[in-house]
N, C-alpha and C. Protein backbone atom coordinates (compact mmCIF):
# COMPACT_ATOMS: atom_id res chain seq x y z
N MET A 1 121.88 68.70 68.00
CA MET A 1 122.95 69.78 68.34
C MET A 1 122.83 70.35 69.49
N THR A 2 123.39 70.28 71.18
CA THR A 2 123.41 71.29 72.29
C THR A 2 123.37 72.97 71.56
N ILE A 3 122.25 73.43 72.28
CA ILE A 3 122.44 75.02 72.16
C ILE A 3 123.16 75.43 73.19
N LYS A 4 124.37 76.44 73.05
CA LYS A 4 125.29 76.44 74.08
C LYS A 4 124.90 77.95 74.70
N LEU A 5 124.74 78.27 75.90
CA LEU A 5 124.27 80.00 76.51
C LEU A 5 125.92 80.44 77.10
N HIS A 6 126.34 81.32 76.83
CA HIS A 6 127.33 82.04 77.39
C HIS A 6 126.65 82.87 78.47
N CYS A 7 127.04 82.77 80.04
CA CYS A 7 126.12 83.34 80.97
C CYS A 7 126.81 83.48 81.96
N PHE A 8 126.23 84.46 82.61
CA PHE A 8 126.37 83.54 83.97
C PHE A 8 125.11 84.31 85.06
N GLY A 9 125.34 83.54 86.46
CA GLY A 9 124.71 83.86 86.94
C GLY A 9 123.53 84.70 87.68
N GLU A 10 124.71 86.11 87.79
CA GLU A 10 124.60 87.16 88.70
C GLU A 10 123.10 88.21 87.23
N SER A 11 123.79 87.59 86.13
CA SER A 11 122.96 88.29 85.17
C SER A 11 121.37 88.23 84.27
N GLY A 12 120.33 88.89 84.93
CA GLY A 12 119.07 89.15 84.93
C GLY A 12 118.93 89.16 83.32
N HIS A 13 119.73 89.31 82.24
CA HIS A 13 119.31 89.16 81.11
C HIS A 13 120.01 87.80 80.42
N SER A 14 121.24 87.23 81.03
CA SER A 14 120.92 86.32 81.16
C SER A 14 119.98 84.96 80.95
N TYR A 15 119.28 85.42 82.76
CA TYR A 15 118.36 84.45 83.31
C TYR A 15 117.45 84.86 82.10
N LYS A 16 116.49 85.53 81.47
CA LYS A 16 115.67 85.37 80.67
C LYS A 16 115.42 84.22 79.65
N ALA A 17 117.19 84.69 78.87
CA ALA A 17 117.04 83.72 77.74
C ALA A 17 117.24 82.68 78.13
N ALA A 18 118.48 81.76 79.36
CA ALA A 18 118.04 81.07 80.24
C ALA A 18 117.02 80.57 80.26
N LEU A 19 115.77 80.55 80.67
CA LEU A 19 115.03 80.42 81.34
C LEU A 19 114.09 79.83 80.30
N ALA A 20 114.52 80.88 78.87
CA ALA A 20 113.49 80.55 78.06
C ALA A 20 113.61 79.33 77.17
N LEU A 21 115.43 79.03 76.75
CA LEU A 21 115.56 77.41 76.73
C LEU A 21 115.23 76.34 77.54
N GLN A 22 115.26 76.66 78.85
CA GLN A 22 114.66 75.87 79.93
C GLN A 22 113.47 75.48 79.68
N LEU A 23 112.81 76.13 79.57
CA LEU A 23 111.49 75.96 79.28
C LEU A 23 110.51 75.25 77.87
N SER A 24 111.54 75.39 76.68
CA SER A 24 111.59 75.62 75.60
C SER A 24 111.59 73.93 75.51
N GLY A 25 111.76 72.40 76.23
CA GLY A 25 112.28 71.75 75.88
C GLY A 25 113.73 71.04 74.42
N LEU A 26 114.57 72.44 74.25
CA LEU A 26 114.91 71.94 73.83
C LEU A 26 116.46 72.18 74.46
N ASP A 27 117.45 70.85 73.82
CA ASP A 27 118.48 70.56 74.75
C ASP A 27 119.72 71.78 74.27
N TRP A 28 120.47 71.87 75.16
CA TRP A 28 120.87 73.57 75.83
C TRP A 28 121.48 73.17 76.88
N GLU A 29 123.09 73.96 76.70
CA GLU A 29 124.02 74.43 78.05
C GLU A 29 124.43 75.45 78.50
N PRO A 30 124.43 75.99 79.92
CA PRO A 30 124.95 77.19 80.00
C PRO A 30 126.64 76.99 79.96
N VAL A 31 127.04 78.01 79.93
CA VAL A 31 129.07 78.21 80.14
C VAL A 31 129.03 79.77 80.14
N LYS A 32 130.09 78.90 81.50
CA LYS A 32 129.37 80.51 82.71
C LYS A 32 130.45 81.79 81.83
N ILE A 33 130.54 82.51 81.79
CA ILE A 33 131.36 83.95 81.71
C ILE A 33 131.32 84.42 82.85
N ASP A 34 132.78 84.84 83.37
CA ASP A 34 133.34 85.17 84.20
C ASP A 34 133.78 87.19 84.36
N PHE A 35 132.52 87.28 84.27
CA PHE A 35 131.71 88.56 84.11
C PHE A 35 132.86 89.42 85.62
N PHE A 36 132.58 88.88 86.46
CA PHE A 36 133.49 89.72 87.65
C PHE A 36 134.85 89.37 87.50
N ALA A 37 135.87 89.02 86.94
CA ALA A 37 136.74 88.87 86.47
C ALA A 37 137.23 89.39 85.02
N GLY A 38 136.24 90.18 84.77
CA GLY A 38 136.46 91.15 83.45
C GLY A 38 136.63 90.14 81.86
N GLN A 39 135.90 89.01 81.90
CA GLN A 39 136.13 88.32 80.61
C GLN A 39 135.19 89.38 79.34
N GLY A 40 134.35 89.83 79.46
CA GLY A 40 133.68 90.55 79.11
C GLY A 40 134.28 91.66 78.30
N ARG A 41 135.33 92.10 79.14
CA ARG A 41 135.70 93.01 78.43
C ARG A 41 137.27 92.96 77.90
N THR A 42 138.03 91.94 77.41
CA THR A 42 138.65 90.90 76.68
C THR A 42 138.44 91.45 75.36
N PRO A 43 139.55 91.53 74.58
CA PRO A 43 139.69 91.70 73.11
C PRO A 43 139.21 90.72 72.99
N GLU A 44 139.55 89.84 73.36
CA GLU A 44 139.17 88.35 73.06
C GLU A 44 137.80 88.06 72.94
N PHE A 45 137.22 88.10 74.05
CA PHE A 45 135.28 88.31 73.75
C PHE A 45 135.19 89.07 73.05
N ARG A 46 135.19 90.04 72.93
CA ARG A 46 134.38 91.50 72.55
C ARG A 46 134.81 91.11 70.69
N GLY A 47 135.97 90.62 70.05
CA GLY A 47 136.22 90.04 68.84
C GLY A 47 135.44 88.66 68.63
N GLU A 48 135.68 87.39 69.52
CA GLU A 48 134.68 86.26 69.09
C GLU A 48 132.91 86.22 69.39
N MET A 49 133.17 86.76 70.83
CA MET A 49 131.54 86.48 71.00
C MET A 49 130.93 87.76 70.56
N ASN A 50 131.06 88.58 71.36
CA ASN A 50 129.95 90.20 71.67
C ASN A 50 130.94 91.30 71.45
N VAL A 51 130.64 92.21 70.69
CA VAL A 51 131.39 93.27 70.22
C VAL A 51 130.88 94.59 71.41
N MET A 52 129.64 93.40 71.62
CA MET A 52 128.64 94.83 72.91
C MET A 52 129.99 94.10 74.55
N GLY A 53 130.49 93.74 74.54
CA GLY A 53 130.26 93.03 75.64
C GLY A 53 129.97 92.45 76.53
N GLU A 54 128.68 92.06 76.30
CA GLU A 54 127.90 91.53 77.17
C GLU A 54 127.60 90.06 77.26
N ALA A 55 126.28 90.15 78.37
CA ALA A 55 126.22 88.54 78.22
C ALA A 55 124.22 88.49 78.01
N PRO A 56 124.02 87.96 77.66
CA PRO A 56 123.89 86.82 77.28
C PRO A 56 124.41 86.66 76.14
N VAL A 57 125.23 85.58 75.16
CA VAL A 57 125.27 85.07 73.42
C VAL A 57 125.26 83.28 73.84
N MET A 58 124.14 83.66 72.75
CA MET A 58 123.72 82.02 72.13
C MET A 58 124.76 81.77 71.28
N ILE A 59 125.01 80.35 70.88
CA ILE A 59 125.30 79.45 69.98
C ILE A 59 125.03 78.47 70.16
N ASP A 60 124.55 78.21 68.09
CA ASP A 60 123.32 77.23 68.37
C ASP A 60 124.01 76.14 66.40
N GLY A 61 125.18 75.57 66.67
CA GLY A 61 126.26 76.16 65.05
C GLY A 61 126.97 76.70 64.78
N ASP A 62 126.12 77.21 63.51
CA ASP A 62 126.67 78.63 63.30
C ASP A 62 126.05 79.74 63.42
N ILE A 63 124.55 79.18 64.06
CA ILE A 63 124.21 80.76 64.60
C ILE A 63 124.82 81.75 65.66
N LYS A 64 125.45 82.64 65.76
CA LYS A 64 125.41 83.61 67.09
C LYS A 64 124.32 84.22 67.88
N LEU A 65 123.83 84.65 68.67
CA LEU A 65 122.81 85.30 68.70
C LEU A 65 123.40 86.09 69.94
N THR A 66 122.93 87.97 70.25
CA THR A 66 123.30 87.78 71.16
C THR A 66 121.39 89.53 71.78
N GLN A 67 121.57 89.98 73.08
CA GLN A 67 119.86 90.43 73.42
C GLN A 67 119.47 89.72 73.80
N SER A 68 119.05 89.43 74.95
CA SER A 68 118.15 88.49 75.06
C SER A 68 117.00 88.27 74.68
N GLY A 69 116.28 89.65 74.61
CA GLY A 69 114.40 89.12 73.61
C GLY A 69 114.89 88.95 72.26
N VAL A 70 115.90 88.91 71.57
CA VAL A 70 116.42 88.52 70.61
C VAL A 70 116.69 86.64 70.84
N ILE A 71 117.41 86.30 71.51
CA ILE A 71 117.46 84.66 72.10
C ILE A 71 115.98 84.55 72.12
N GLN A 72 115.23 84.48 73.07
CA GLN A 72 114.03 84.89 73.14
C GLN A 72 113.58 84.33 72.05
N GLU A 73 113.65 85.15 70.98
CA GLU A 73 112.67 84.82 69.55
C GLU A 73 112.70 84.09 68.90
N TYR A 74 114.57 83.50 69.30
CA TYR A 74 114.89 82.26 67.90
C TYR A 74 114.60 81.44 69.03
N VAL A 75 114.27 81.00 70.00
CA VAL A 75 114.29 79.82 71.37
C VAL A 75 112.51 79.90 70.54
N SER A 76 111.39 80.80 70.76
CA SER A 76 110.58 80.64 70.16
C SER A 76 110.28 80.32 68.64
N GLU A 77 111.03 80.21 67.77
CA GLU A 77 110.96 79.96 66.18
C GLU A 77 111.38 78.49 66.63
N LYS A 78 112.24 78.12 66.86
CA LYS A 78 112.96 76.80 66.66
C LYS A 78 111.67 76.05 67.46
N SER A 79 111.22 76.11 68.47
CA SER A 79 110.70 74.83 69.57
C SER A 79 109.74 75.08 69.54
N GLY A 80 109.23 76.43 68.77
CA GLY A 80 107.44 76.63 68.59
C GLY A 80 106.59 76.95 69.81
N LYS A 81 107.37 77.64 70.50
CA LYS A 81 106.99 77.51 72.71
C LYS A 81 106.96 79.41 72.75
N HIS A 82 106.21 79.77 73.16
CA HIS A 82 106.34 81.12 73.85
C HIS A 82 106.31 81.96 73.42
N GLY A 83 106.34 82.38 72.39
CA GLY A 83 106.32 83.55 70.96
C GLY A 83 104.33 83.94 70.56
N GLY A 84 103.54 82.99 71.30
CA GLY A 84 102.36 83.85 70.88
C GLY A 84 101.56 83.33 69.70
N ARG A 85 100.21 83.08 69.80
CA ARG A 85 99.48 81.85 68.68
C ARG A 85 99.26 83.11 67.70
N ASN A 86 99.18 84.47 67.74
CA ASN A 86 98.76 85.11 66.18
C ASN A 86 100.03 86.50 66.67
N VAL A 87 99.99 87.10 65.48
CA VAL A 87 100.33 88.04 64.75
C VAL A 87 99.95 89.19 66.25
N GLU A 88 98.92 89.38 66.74
CA GLU A 88 97.92 90.22 67.67
C GLU A 88 99.53 89.74 68.99
N GLU A 89 99.35 88.57 69.15
CA GLU A 89 100.01 87.75 70.20
C GLU A 89 101.30 88.70 70.63
N ARG A 90 101.76 88.57 69.16
CA ARG A 90 103.72 88.86 68.59
C ARG A 90 104.02 90.03 68.96
N ARG A 91 102.98 91.20 68.52
CA ARG A 91 103.09 92.12 68.75
C ARG A 91 103.24 92.73 70.10
N GLU A 92 102.32 92.46 70.98
CA GLU A 92 101.76 92.68 71.99
C GLU A 92 103.50 91.58 72.87
N ILE A 93 103.88 91.31 72.73
CA ILE A 93 105.28 90.26 73.18
C ILE A 93 106.58 91.63 73.18
N LEU A 94 106.34 91.51 72.18
CA LEU A 94 107.45 92.57 71.58
C LEU A 94 107.47 93.93 72.61
N ARG A 95 105.82 94.63 72.58
CA ARG A 95 106.01 95.36 73.23
C ARG A 95 106.68 95.95 74.36
N TRP A 96 105.76 94.22 75.21
CA TRP A 96 106.54 94.17 76.30
C TRP A 96 107.83 93.79 77.11
N ILE A 97 108.47 93.47 75.90
CA ILE A 97 110.08 93.18 75.77
C ILE A 97 110.61 94.11 75.91
N LEU A 98 110.28 95.53 75.17
CA LEU A 98 111.06 97.28 74.67
C LEU A 98 110.80 97.37 76.36
N TRP A 99 109.09 97.54 76.60
CA TRP A 99 109.11 98.03 78.07
C TRP A 99 109.72 97.58 78.81
N ASP A 100 110.22 96.66 79.27
CA ASP A 100 110.69 95.70 79.92
C ASP A 100 112.18 96.22 80.24
N ASN A 101 112.85 96.26 78.36
CA ASN A 101 114.31 96.65 78.71
C ASN A 101 114.68 98.21 78.62
N HIS A 102 113.66 98.71 78.72
CA HIS A 102 113.99 99.86 78.34
C HIS A 102 113.66 100.62 79.52
N LYS A 103 112.52 100.01 81.07
CA LYS A 103 111.93 100.48 82.37
C LYS A 103 112.13 99.82 83.22
N LEU A 104 112.01 98.86 83.03
CA LEU A 104 112.18 97.43 84.00
C LEU A 104 113.60 96.93 83.97
N SER A 105 113.86 96.27 83.53
CA SER A 105 115.05 95.39 83.53
C SER A 105 116.43 96.92 83.62
N SER A 106 116.34 97.76 83.27
CA SER A 106 117.19 98.39 82.31
C SER A 106 117.68 99.57 84.16
N MET A 107 116.34 99.18 84.52
CA MET A 107 116.94 100.03 86.12
C MET A 107 116.97 98.80 86.64
N ALA A 108 116.29 97.68 87.07
CA ALA A 108 116.49 96.92 87.78
C ALA A 108 118.31 96.47 88.03
N GLY A 109 118.49 95.92 86.63
CA GLY A 109 119.29 95.68 86.77
C GLY A 109 120.94 96.53 87.30
N VAL A 110 120.48 97.86 86.53
CA VAL A 110 121.87 99.25 87.54
C VAL A 110 121.52 98.78 88.81
N THR A 111 120.00 99.07 89.14
CA THR A 111 120.32 99.49 90.99
C THR A 111 120.67 98.04 91.68
N ARG A 112 120.39 97.23 91.06
CA ARG A 112 120.78 96.05 91.68
C ARG A 112 122.47 95.63 91.50
N PHE A 113 123.07 96.40 91.07
CA PHE A 113 124.26 96.23 90.66
C PHE A 113 125.48 97.52 91.84
N LEU A 114 124.59 97.96 91.98
CA LEU A 114 124.30 99.32 92.61
C LEU A 114 124.57 98.88 94.05
N MET A 115 123.19 98.84 93.97
CA MET A 115 123.35 98.50 95.60
C MET A 115 124.23 97.29 96.53
N ASN A 116 124.41 96.03 95.57
CA ASN A 116 124.91 94.69 96.12
C ASN A 116 126.06 95.04 95.55
N PHE A 117 126.71 95.19 95.06
CA PHE A 117 128.56 94.72 93.80
C PHE A 117 129.48 95.94 93.94
N LEU A 118 129.19 96.47 94.80
CA LEU A 118 130.18 97.89 94.71
C LEU A 118 130.34 98.15 96.22
N PRO A 119 131.58 98.39 96.70
CA PRO A 119 131.48 98.95 98.02
C PRO A 119 130.75 99.69 98.43
N GLU A 120 129.68 99.62 99.91
CA GLU A 120 129.08 100.64 100.17
C GLU A 120 129.37 101.78 100.21
N ASP A 121 130.92 102.66 100.43
CA ASP A 121 131.60 103.87 100.18
C ASP A 121 131.39 104.13 98.11
N LYS A 122 131.69 103.52 98.13
CA LYS A 122 131.55 103.70 96.36
C LYS A 122 129.82 103.58 95.94
N GLN A 123 129.00 103.20 96.78
CA GLN A 123 127.38 103.38 96.02
C GLN A 123 126.62 104.99 96.10
N PRO A 124 126.91 105.72 94.46
CA PRO A 124 126.08 106.45 94.56
C PRO A 124 124.42 106.73 95.39
N LYS A 125 124.52 107.39 95.84
CA LYS A 125 123.26 107.03 97.02
C LYS A 125 121.95 107.94 95.89
N GLU A 126 122.71 108.80 95.96
CA GLU A 126 121.40 109.69 95.04
C GLU A 126 120.70 109.28 93.20
N VAL A 127 121.82 108.74 92.46
CA VAL A 127 121.33 107.73 91.90
C VAL A 127 121.21 106.77 92.15
N ILE A 128 120.79 105.81 93.20
CA ILE A 128 120.48 104.72 93.74
C ILE A 128 119.05 105.18 93.85
N GLY A 129 118.47 106.69 94.85
CA GLY A 129 117.57 106.92 94.86
C GLY A 129 116.51 107.14 93.62
N PHE A 130 117.27 107.80 92.87
CA PHE A 130 116.49 108.22 92.33
C PHE A 130 115.70 106.60 91.28
N ASN A 131 116.47 105.98 90.45
CA ASN A 131 116.01 104.49 90.14
C ASN A 131 115.30 103.92 90.75
N LEU A 132 114.93 104.24 92.03
CA LEU A 132 114.02 103.11 92.98
C LEU A 132 112.78 103.53 92.64
N GLY A 133 112.63 105.13 91.87
CA GLY A 133 111.33 105.61 92.33
C GLY A 133 111.22 105.30 90.81
N ARG A 134 111.58 105.33 89.38
CA ARG A 134 111.93 104.63 88.52
C ARG A 134 111.17 103.45 88.35
N LEU A 135 111.53 102.64 89.82
CA LEU A 135 111.10 101.15 89.38
C LEU A 135 110.31 101.20 90.15
N LYS A 136 109.78 102.36 91.14
CA LYS A 136 107.82 101.46 92.08
C LYS A 136 107.23 102.28 90.78
N ALA A 137 107.96 103.50 89.98
CA ALA A 137 106.66 103.23 88.64
C ALA A 137 106.26 102.26 87.85
N ALA A 138 107.61 100.86 88.02
CA ALA A 138 107.51 100.11 86.47
C ALA A 138 106.98 98.95 87.41
N TYR A 139 107.39 98.90 88.68
CA TYR A 139 106.63 97.61 89.43
C TYR A 139 105.12 97.51 89.27
N ASP A 140 104.65 99.52 88.69
CA ASP A 140 103.08 100.18 89.16
C ASP A 140 102.28 99.59 88.11
N VAL A 141 103.07 100.10 87.00
CA VAL A 141 102.40 99.56 86.08
C VAL A 141 101.87 98.11 85.82
N LEU A 142 103.33 97.48 85.91
CA LEU A 142 103.38 95.54 86.04
C LEU A 142 102.58 95.44 86.74
N ASN A 143 102.04 95.79 88.07
CA ASN A 143 100.92 95.22 88.61
C ASN A 143 99.66 95.48 88.48
N SER A 144 99.62 96.30 87.94
CA SER A 144 97.96 96.76 86.66
C SER A 144 97.33 96.47 86.17
N HIS A 145 98.81 95.95 85.72
CA HIS A 145 98.45 94.86 83.76
C HIS A 145 98.08 93.98 84.21
N LEU A 146 98.62 93.21 85.19
CA LEU A 146 98.52 92.06 85.91
C LEU A 146 96.94 91.93 86.77
N GLU A 147 96.23 93.07 86.32
CA GLU A 147 95.27 92.35 87.57
C GLU A 147 93.75 91.55 86.74
N GLY A 148 93.68 90.59 87.36
CA GLY A 148 92.46 90.09 86.52
C GLY A 148 92.96 89.09 85.49
N ARG A 149 94.59 89.68 84.88
CA ARG A 149 94.95 88.07 84.78
C ARG A 149 96.30 87.24 85.35
N GLU A 150 96.43 86.14 84.36
CA GLU A 150 97.31 84.99 84.91
C GLU A 150 98.62 85.45 84.46
N TRP A 151 98.77 85.83 82.58
CA TRP A 151 99.72 86.07 81.97
C TRP A 151 100.04 87.50 81.38
N ILE A 152 101.18 87.91 80.21
CA ILE A 152 100.91 89.30 80.57
C ILE A 152 100.28 89.64 79.06
N VAL A 153 100.65 88.30 78.51
CA VAL A 153 99.96 88.50 77.22
C VAL A 153 99.47 86.34 77.11
N GLY A 154 98.01 86.93 76.69
CA GLY A 154 97.89 85.58 76.16
C GLY A 154 97.03 84.95 77.66
N ASP A 155 96.99 83.20 77.16
CA ASP A 155 96.32 83.05 78.37
C ASP A 155 97.33 81.71 78.95
N SER A 156 98.86 81.85 78.80
CA SER A 156 99.59 81.13 78.67
C SER A 156 101.71 81.65 79.21
N ILE A 157 102.16 80.96 79.56
CA ILE A 157 103.11 81.71 79.54
C ILE A 157 103.83 82.15 77.94
N THR A 158 104.21 82.89 78.07
CA THR A 158 104.82 82.87 76.83
C THR A 158 106.70 84.57 77.16
N ASN A 159 106.99 84.74 76.32
CA ASN A 159 108.34 85.54 76.28
C ASN A 159 108.41 86.83 77.10
N ALA A 160 107.02 87.44 76.81
CA ALA A 160 106.88 88.53 78.11
C ALA A 160 107.16 88.65 79.50
N ASP A 161 106.28 87.21 79.73
CA ASP A 161 106.58 86.31 81.34
C ASP A 161 107.94 86.44 81.27
N MET A 162 108.38 86.33 80.74
CA MET A 162 110.13 85.30 80.56
C MET A 162 110.77 86.94 80.64
N THR A 163 110.80 87.52 79.93
CA THR A 163 111.59 88.63 80.51
C THR A 163 111.13 89.81 81.46
N CYS A 164 110.03 89.93 82.00
CA CYS A 164 109.76 90.96 82.64
C CYS A 164 109.61 90.63 84.35
N CYS A 165 110.19 89.00 84.42
CA CYS A 165 110.32 87.92 85.56
C CYS A 165 112.12 88.16 85.42
N GLY A 166 112.58 88.78 84.96
CA GLY A 166 114.38 88.53 84.36
C GLY A 166 114.78 88.84 85.65
N TYR A 167 114.60 89.66 86.41
CA TYR A 167 115.50 90.32 87.77
C TYR A 167 114.61 89.93 88.69
N LEU A 168 113.52 89.85 88.34
CA LEU A 168 112.52 89.42 90.13
C LEU A 168 112.72 88.61 91.06
N PHE A 169 113.61 87.32 90.47
CA PHE A 169 113.68 86.13 91.25
C PHE A 169 114.38 86.33 91.77
N TYR A 170 115.70 87.36 92.24
CA TYR A 170 116.88 86.98 92.40
C TYR A 170 116.87 87.63 93.90
N PRO A 171 117.20 87.10 95.09
CA PRO A 171 117.52 87.56 96.36
C PRO A 171 117.80 88.96 96.94
N GLU A 172 118.73 89.35 95.80
CA GLU A 172 119.64 90.80 96.64
C GLU A 172 118.68 91.64 96.38
N PRO A 173 118.34 92.74 97.70
CA PRO A 173 117.63 94.02 97.25
C PRO A 173 117.61 94.67 96.34
N PHE A 174 117.01 95.27 95.95
CA PHE A 174 117.35 96.26 94.64
C PHE A 174 115.96 97.24 94.57
N GLY A 175 115.30 97.31 95.81
CA GLY A 175 113.57 97.81 95.70
C GLY A 175 112.83 97.35 95.88
N PHE A 176 112.96 95.93 95.24
CA PHE A 176 111.42 95.33 95.34
C PHE A 176 111.21 93.80 95.76
N ASP A 177 110.29 94.38 96.73
CA ASP A 177 109.56 93.34 97.65
C ASP A 177 108.36 92.35 96.92
N ARG A 178 107.81 91.94 96.41
CA ARG A 178 107.20 91.63 96.16
C ARG A 178 105.81 90.96 96.77
N ALA A 179 105.56 91.61 98.08
CA ALA A 179 104.53 91.30 99.18
C ALA A 179 104.08 92.43 98.86
N GLU A 180 104.81 93.84 97.98
CA GLU A 180 104.46 94.58 98.27
C GLU A 180 103.31 94.97 96.95
N TRP A 181 103.31 94.21 96.31
CA TRP A 181 103.06 93.92 94.62
C TRP A 181 102.24 92.62 94.55
N PRO A 182 100.83 92.12 95.09
CA PRO A 182 99.81 91.20 94.74
C PRO A 182 99.66 90.91 93.86
N ASN A 183 100.08 91.44 92.48
CA ASN A 183 99.57 90.40 91.55
C ASN A 183 100.49 90.26 90.63
N ILE A 184 102.22 90.61 90.92
CA ILE A 184 103.40 90.73 90.87
C ILE A 184 103.42 89.38 91.21
N ASP A 185 103.07 89.53 92.73
CA ASP A 185 103.32 88.33 93.07
C ASP A 185 102.70 86.79 93.04
N ALA A 186 101.78 86.74 92.69
CA ALA A 186 100.55 85.94 92.38
C ALA A 186 101.46 85.30 90.88
N TRP A 187 102.07 86.18 90.28
CA TRP A 187 102.01 86.22 88.88
C TRP A 187 103.49 85.45 89.17
N LEU A 188 104.51 85.91 89.92
CA LEU A 188 105.47 85.04 90.00
C LEU A 188 105.20 83.78 90.80
N THR A 189 104.75 83.35 91.54
CA THR A 189 104.21 82.25 91.55
C THR A 189 104.06 81.53 90.55
N ARG A 190 103.31 81.44 90.04
CA ARG A 190 102.80 81.04 88.46
C ARG A 190 103.71 80.21 87.63
N ILE A 191 104.74 81.48 87.15
CA ILE A 191 106.13 81.19 86.92
C ILE A 191 106.78 79.99 87.55
N SER A 192 107.13 80.46 88.64
CA SER A 192 108.02 78.92 89.39
C SER A 192 107.63 78.10 89.80
N ASP A 193 106.00 77.71 89.29
CA ASP A 193 104.94 76.33 89.51
C ASP A 193 105.22 75.64 87.84
N THR A 194 105.70 76.75 87.17
CA THR A 194 105.80 76.07 85.87
C THR A 194 106.65 74.54 85.90
N PRO A 195 106.52 73.80 85.60
CA PRO A 195 107.32 72.45 85.03
C PRO A 195 109.03 73.09 84.42
N GLY A 196 109.91 72.56 85.05
CA GLY A 196 111.87 73.02 84.47
C GLY A 196 112.13 74.42 85.18
N TRP A 197 110.52 74.91 86.09
CA TRP A 197 111.40 76.24 86.22
C TRP A 197 112.80 76.08 87.11
N LYS A 198 113.78 76.79 86.94
CA LYS A 198 114.67 76.90 87.94
C LYS A 198 114.87 78.52 88.18
N ALA A 199 115.21 78.98 89.90
CA ALA A 199 116.03 80.12 89.72
C ALA A 199 116.89 80.26 88.94
N PRO A 200 117.50 81.51 89.33
CA PRO A 200 118.46 82.39 88.36
C PRO A 200 119.68 80.82 89.00
N TYR A 201 120.33 81.32 90.02
CA TYR A 201 121.26 80.98 90.70
C TYR A 201 121.49 79.32 90.48
N ASP A 202 120.44 78.42 90.37
CA ASP A 202 120.22 77.47 89.95
C ASP A 202 120.74 77.31 88.49
N LEU A 203 119.91 77.54 87.93
CA LEU A 203 119.79 77.54 86.20
C LEU A 203 121.31 77.58 85.42
N MET A 204 121.97 78.86 86.07
CA MET A 204 123.19 79.28 85.93
C MET A 204 124.62 79.31 86.68
N PRO A 205 125.52 78.83 86.06
CA PRO A 205 126.44 78.72 86.73
C PRO A 205 126.92 79.89 87.02
N GLY A 206 127.64 80.15 88.52
CA GLY A 206 128.03 81.48 88.89
C GLY A 206 126.88 81.93 89.60
N SER A 207 127.36 82.65 91.03
CA SER A 207 126.79 83.18 91.68
C SER A 207 127.78 83.95 93.10
N PRO A 208 126.82 84.83 94.04
CA PRO A 208 127.83 86.18 94.37
C PRO A 208 128.64 85.07 95.88
N ALA A 209 128.31 83.90 96.24
CA ALA A 209 128.74 83.29 97.16
C ALA A 209 129.97 82.45 96.39
N ASP A 210 129.85 81.94 95.25
CA ASP A 210 131.07 82.15 94.57
C ASP A 210 132.73 83.28 95.01
N ARG A 211 132.23 84.37 95.19
CA ARG A 211 132.90 85.28 95.56
C ARG A 211 133.24 85.16 96.86
N ALA A 212 132.65 84.75 97.83
CA ALA A 212 132.40 85.34 98.87
C ALA A 212 134.07 84.50 99.79
């Protein structure tokens, strides 16, 4: 049975789940959520798909899951890939998933939205400035951790890598220039060199160009 991931290309959290599925070898397909038309706010979506009104939503037969980290864990359970080789690695992967969702992706997602998907006269410059400072601190943590390492946890790509890279392959500006962070830059190259990897707008339907 084909796993369906309800997602949209602009969503970094959707990308985390989509990339986990893409690299898992499982049979899956993306289904577009028309986020910018307000689909996630409709009573139908909240009642039938996700009461939180968010993407992604994964459906595998009778199983429906939301939140990218939970979906990644499910994909690892089903495929036997990317979830860590022992309990110590699994705990460390979880630690980085929680850190990413609180410190990195949360800031990157909001800041990217404010800087790129709002009219310039609606952009809260002070909020953006504050967020950019928080993001710089997060990049520094990740860059320092990757010193002398190829992957965030262990010696191969895991869900820790696929969660932390969730927004870092997007082309829109949000305070991240990978050239300024050499360890992150090399790590992103290793991820994109992984067989089967695709960039967000190539992996999922929906992009800013569709609304241009």
